[in-house]
Amino acid sequence: MHHLQSSIVALLVIGCSAYAAWTLMPTVARRGLAKQLLRVRWPAPLAMRLQRAASTASGCGCDGCDASAGPRGNDSGRGVQKILIVPRRR
């Protein structure tokens, strides 16, 4: 019985560690890892999540710092992108 409990705890710790590492990983690293993991056949729900992670742009709208720079410093051709900063109410 003790061996079964230790195995369950070990699986939980490994799963939680993998989740924490994936969540805290920079987007560039997560995207690259997802592309590598997509080379293996996965169940459909997991494959969809990996596909989404492999193709997700950064949240800032600039396609991330890893995007290759075009002639004007960006490769999207959209020019300068404005950022709106809204102060919080107190």
N, C-alpha and C. Protein backbone atom coordinates (compact mmCIF):
# COMPACT_ATOMS: atom_id res chain seq x y z
N MET A 1 0.82 -1.20 0.00
CA MET A 1 0.00 0.00 0.00
C MET A 1 0.87 1.26 0.00
N HIS A 2 1.96 1.21 0.76
CA HIS A 2 2.84 2.37 0.85
C HIS A 2 3.45 2.68 -0.52
N HIS A 3 3.77 1.66 -1.28
CA HIS A 3 4.37 1.86 -2.60
C HIS A 3 3.37 2.53 -3.55
N LEU A 4 2.10 2.14 -3.47
CA LEU A 4 1.07 2.74 -4.32
C LEU A 4 0.87 4.22 -3.98
N GLN A 5 0.87 4.54 -2.69
CA GLN A 5 0.72 5.94 -2.27
C GLN A 5 1.90 6.78 -2.75
N SER A 6 3.09 6.24 -2.63
CA SER A 6 4.28 6.97 -3.08
C SER A 6 4.25 7.20 -4.58
N SER A 7 3.77 6.20 -5.33
CA SER A 7 3.67 6.35 -6.79
C SER A 7 2.66 7.42 -7.17
N ILE A 8 1.53 7.45 -6.48
CA ILE A 8 0.49 8.46 -6.76
C ILE A 8 1.02 9.85 -6.44
N VAL A 9 1.70 9.98 -5.29
CA VAL A 9 2.26 11.29 -4.91
C VAL A 9 3.32 11.72 -5.92
N ALA A 10 4.16 10.79 -6.37
CA ALA A 10 5.20 11.12 -7.34
C ALA A 10 4.57 11.59 -8.65
N LEU A 11 3.52 10.93 -9.12
CA LEU A 11 2.83 11.35 -10.35
C LEU A 11 2.21 12.73 -10.19
N LEU A 12 1.62 13.00 -9.03
CA LEU A 12 1.04 14.32 -8.79
C LEU A 12 2.10 15.41 -8.78
N VAL A 13 3.23 15.14 -8.13
CA VAL A 13 4.31 16.13 -8.06
C VAL A 13 4.88 16.40 -9.46
N ILE A 14 5.07 15.34 -10.24
CA ILE A 14 5.59 15.50 -11.60
C ILE A 14 4.60 16.30 -12.45
N GLY A 15 3.32 15.97 -12.35
CA GLY A 15 2.30 16.70 -13.11
C GLY A 15 2.22 18.16 -12.72
N CYS A 16 2.24 18.44 -11.43
CA CYS A 16 2.19 19.83 -10.96
C CYS A 16 3.45 20.60 -11.37
N SER A 17 4.59 19.94 -11.31
CA SER A 17 5.83 20.60 -11.71
C SER A 17 5.83 20.93 -13.20
N ALA A 18 5.34 19.98 -14.00
CA ALA A 18 5.26 20.23 -15.45
C ALA A 18 4.30 21.38 -15.75
N TYR A 19 3.17 21.41 -15.05
CA TYR A 19 2.19 22.49 -15.26
C TYR A 19 2.79 23.83 -14.86
N ALA A 20 3.46 23.89 -13.71
CA ALA A 20 4.05 25.15 -13.25
C ALA A 20 5.15 25.61 -14.21
N ALA A 21 5.98 24.68 -14.68
CA ALA A 21 7.05 25.05 -15.61
C ALA A 21 6.46 25.57 -16.92
N TRP A 22 5.42 24.92 -17.43
CA TRP A 22 4.77 25.34 -18.68
C TRP A 22 4.15 26.72 -18.52
N THR A 23 3.49 26.94 -17.40
CA THR A 23 2.80 28.21 -17.16
C THR A 23 3.78 29.36 -16.99
N LEU A 24 4.87 29.12 -16.30
CA LEU A 24 5.84 30.19 -16.02
C LEU A 24 6.88 30.36 -17.12
N MET A 25 6.90 29.45 -18.08
CA MET A 25 7.87 29.50 -19.17
C MET A 25 7.59 30.71 -20.07
N PRO A 26 8.64 31.38 -20.54
CA PRO A 26 8.44 32.49 -21.48
C PRO A 26 7.72 31.98 -22.74
N THR A 27 6.95 32.85 -23.37
CA THR A 27 6.16 32.49 -24.54
C THR A 27 7.02 31.93 -25.66
N VAL A 28 8.18 32.49 -25.86
CA VAL A 28 9.07 32.03 -26.93
C VAL A 28 9.48 30.58 -26.68
N ALA A 29 9.86 30.27 -25.45
CA ALA A 29 10.27 28.91 -25.11
C ALA A 29 9.08 27.95 -25.19
N ARG A 30 7.92 28.39 -24.72
CA ARG A 30 6.72 27.55 -24.76
C ARG A 30 6.33 27.24 -26.21
N ARG A 31 6.43 28.25 -27.07
CA ARG A 31 6.09 28.06 -28.48
C ARG A 31 7.04 27.05 -29.13
N GLY A 32 8.33 27.18 -28.85
CA GLY A 32 9.32 26.25 -29.40
C GLY A 32 9.12 24.83 -28.88
N LEU A 33 8.86 24.70 -27.59
CA LEU A 33 8.63 23.38 -27.01
C LEU A 33 7.36 22.75 -27.57
N ALA A 34 6.33 23.54 -27.74
CA ALA A 34 5.08 23.02 -28.31
C ALA A 34 5.30 22.52 -29.73
N LYS A 35 6.10 23.24 -30.51
CA LYS A 35 6.39 22.80 -31.88
C LYS A 35 7.15 21.48 -31.86
N GLN A 36 8.08 21.32 -30.92
CA GLN A 36 8.82 20.07 -30.81
C GLN A 36 7.90 18.93 -30.39
N LEU A 37 7.02 19.19 -29.44
CA LEU A 37 6.11 18.14 -28.95
C LEU A 37 5.07 17.74 -29.99
N LEU A 38 4.77 18.63 -30.93
CA LEU A 38 3.79 18.30 -31.96
C LEU A 38 4.32 17.28 -32.97
N ARG A 39 5.60 16.97 -32.92
CA ARG A 39 6.16 15.96 -33.81
C ARG A 39 5.70 14.55 -33.41
N VAL A 40 5.20 14.42 -32.17
CA VAL A 40 4.71 13.15 -31.66
C VAL A 40 3.19 13.13 -31.75
N ARG A 41 2.62 11.98 -31.95
CA ARG A 41 1.16 11.86 -32.04
C ARG A 41 0.58 11.92 -30.62
N TRP A 42 -0.37 12.84 -30.40
CA TRP A 42 -1.01 13.04 -29.10
C TRP A 42 -2.52 12.86 -29.25
N PRO A 43 -3.22 12.61 -28.15
CA PRO A 43 -4.69 12.61 -28.22
C PRO A 43 -5.18 13.98 -28.69
N ALA A 44 -6.33 14.00 -29.35
CA ALA A 44 -6.84 15.22 -30.00
C ALA A 44 -6.90 16.44 -29.08
N PRO A 45 -7.45 16.34 -27.85
CA PRO A 45 -7.51 17.55 -27.00
C PRO A 45 -6.13 18.12 -26.67
N LEU A 46 -5.17 17.24 -26.40
CA LEU A 46 -3.82 17.71 -26.08
C LEU A 46 -3.14 18.27 -27.33
N ALA A 47 -3.35 17.63 -28.47
CA ALA A 47 -2.77 18.12 -29.71
C ALA A 47 -3.31 19.50 -30.07
N MET A 48 -4.60 19.74 -29.81
CA MET A 48 -5.17 21.07 -30.08
C MET A 48 -4.55 22.12 -29.19
N ARG A 49 -4.33 21.80 -27.92
CA ARG A 49 -3.70 22.76 -27.01
C ARG A 49 -2.27 23.06 -27.43
N LEU A 50 -1.54 22.02 -27.82
CA LEU A 50 -0.17 22.23 -28.27
C LEU A 50 -0.13 23.05 -29.55
N GLN A 51 -1.06 22.80 -30.46
CA GLN A 51 -1.13 23.56 -31.70
C GLN A 51 -1.41 25.04 -31.43
N ARG A 52 -2.30 25.29 -30.49
CA ARG A 52 -2.62 26.66 -30.11
C ARG A 52 -1.41 27.35 -29.48
N ALA A 53 -0.67 26.61 -28.62
CA ALA A 53 0.51 27.19 -27.98
C ALA A 53 1.62 27.43 -29.00
N ALA A 54 1.70 26.57 -30.02
CA ALA A 54 2.76 26.71 -31.02
C ALA A 54 2.51 27.88 -31.95
N SER A 55 1.26 28.31 -32.08
CA SER A 55 0.96 29.38 -33.02
C SER A 55 0.47 30.66 -32.37
N THR A 56 0.40 30.71 -31.07
CA THR A 56 -0.12 31.88 -30.36
C THR A 56 0.87 33.03 -30.44
N ALA A 57 0.37 34.19 -30.80
CA ALA A 57 1.19 35.40 -30.78
C ALA A 57 1.24 35.93 -29.35
N SER A 58 2.17 36.79 -29.09
CA SER A 58 2.28 37.37 -27.75
C SER A 58 1.09 38.28 -27.47
N GLY A 59 0.84 38.57 -26.23
CA GLY A 59 -0.30 39.37 -25.85
C GLY A 59 -0.17 40.85 -26.14
N CYS A 60 1.02 41.31 -26.52
CA CYS A 60 1.22 42.73 -26.74
C CYS A 60 0.87 43.19 -28.14
N GLY A 61 0.58 42.26 -29.04
CA GLY A 61 0.21 42.64 -30.40
C GLY A 61 1.40 42.88 -31.31
N CYS A 62 2.59 42.57 -30.84
CA CYS A 62 3.77 42.82 -31.67
C CYS A 62 4.37 41.53 -32.20
N ASP A 63 3.74 40.40 -32.00
CA ASP A 63 4.21 39.07 -32.40
C ASP A 63 5.48 38.65 -31.69
N GLY A 64 5.74 39.21 -30.55
CA GLY A 64 6.84 38.76 -29.71
C GLY A 64 8.19 39.31 -30.10
N CYS A 65 9.11 39.22 -29.18
CA CYS A 65 10.47 39.71 -29.41
C CYS A 65 11.25 38.78 -30.31
N ASP A 66 10.74 37.56 -30.52
CA ASP A 66 11.46 36.61 -31.36
C ASP A 66 11.11 36.75 -32.83
N ALA A 67 10.18 37.65 -33.16
CA ALA A 67 9.78 37.83 -34.56
C ALA A 67 10.92 38.48 -35.33
N SER A 68 11.12 38.05 -36.56
CA SER A 68 12.18 38.65 -37.37
C SER A 68 11.77 40.06 -37.77
N ALA A 69 12.70 40.96 -37.65
CA ALA A 69 12.40 42.36 -37.95
C ALA A 69 12.46 42.61 -39.44
N GLY A 70 11.49 43.31 -39.92
CA GLY A 70 11.45 43.69 -41.33
C GLY A 70 12.21 44.98 -41.54
N PRO A 71 12.04 45.63 -42.68
CA PRO A 71 12.79 46.84 -42.99
C PRO A 71 12.47 48.00 -42.06
N ARG A 72 11.27 48.03 -41.48
CA ARG A 72 10.90 49.14 -40.60
C ARG A 72 10.94 48.72 -39.14
N GLY A 73 11.57 47.57 -38.81
CA GLY A 73 11.66 47.14 -37.43
C GLY A 73 10.56 46.16 -37.04
N ASN A 74 9.61 45.93 -37.92
CA ASN A 74 8.60 44.91 -37.65
C ASN A 74 8.29 44.21 -38.96
N ASP A 75 7.73 43.00 -38.85
CA ASP A 75 7.47 42.26 -40.06
C ASP A 75 5.99 42.22 -40.41
N SER A 76 5.17 42.97 -39.70
CA SER A 76 3.74 42.93 -39.96
C SER A 76 3.31 43.98 -40.98
N GLY A 77 4.11 45.00 -41.20
CA GLY A 77 3.77 46.03 -42.16
C GLY A 77 2.71 46.99 -41.64
N ARG A 78 2.35 46.90 -40.37
CA ARG A 78 1.30 47.76 -39.82
C ARG A 78 1.84 49.09 -39.30
N GLY A 79 3.14 49.22 -39.22
CA GLY A 79 3.70 50.46 -38.70
C GLY A 79 3.71 50.47 -37.18
N VAL A 80 3.58 51.65 -36.61
CA VAL A 80 3.64 51.81 -35.17
C VAL A 80 2.32 51.36 -34.54
N GLN A 81 2.44 50.63 -33.45
CA GLN A 81 1.24 50.19 -32.73
C GLN A 81 1.17 50.96 -31.42
N LYS A 82 0.05 51.61 -31.18
CA LYS A 82 -0.13 52.41 -29.98
C LYS A 82 -0.49 51.52 -28.80
N ILE A 83 -0.03 51.94 -27.62
CA ILE A 83 -0.36 51.25 -26.38
C ILE A 83 -1.15 52.22 -25.52
N LEU A 84 -2.31 51.82 -25.05
CA LEU A 84 -3.15 52.66 -24.22
C LEU A 84 -2.98 52.25 -22.77
N ILE A 85 -2.57 53.17 -21.92
CA ILE A 85 -2.39 52.91 -20.50
C ILE A 85 -3.50 53.66 -19.77
N VAL A 86 -4.32 52.92 -19.05
CA VAL A 86 -5.45 53.49 -18.33
C VAL A 86 -5.18 53.40 -16.83
N PRO A 87 -5.17 54.55 -16.13
CA PRO A 87 -4.92 54.50 -14.70
C PRO A 87 -6.10 53.87 -13.96
N ARG A 88 -5.79 53.19 -12.87
CA ARG A 88 -6.82 52.57 -12.05
C ARG A 88 -7.47 53.62 -11.16
N ARG A 89 -8.75 53.42 -10.90
CA ARG A 89 -9.44 54.30 -9.96
C ARG A 89 -9.08 53.89 -8.54
N ARG A 90 -9.00 54.86 -7.68
CA ARG A 90 -8.66 54.56 -6.28
C ARG A 90 -9.87 54.62 -5.41
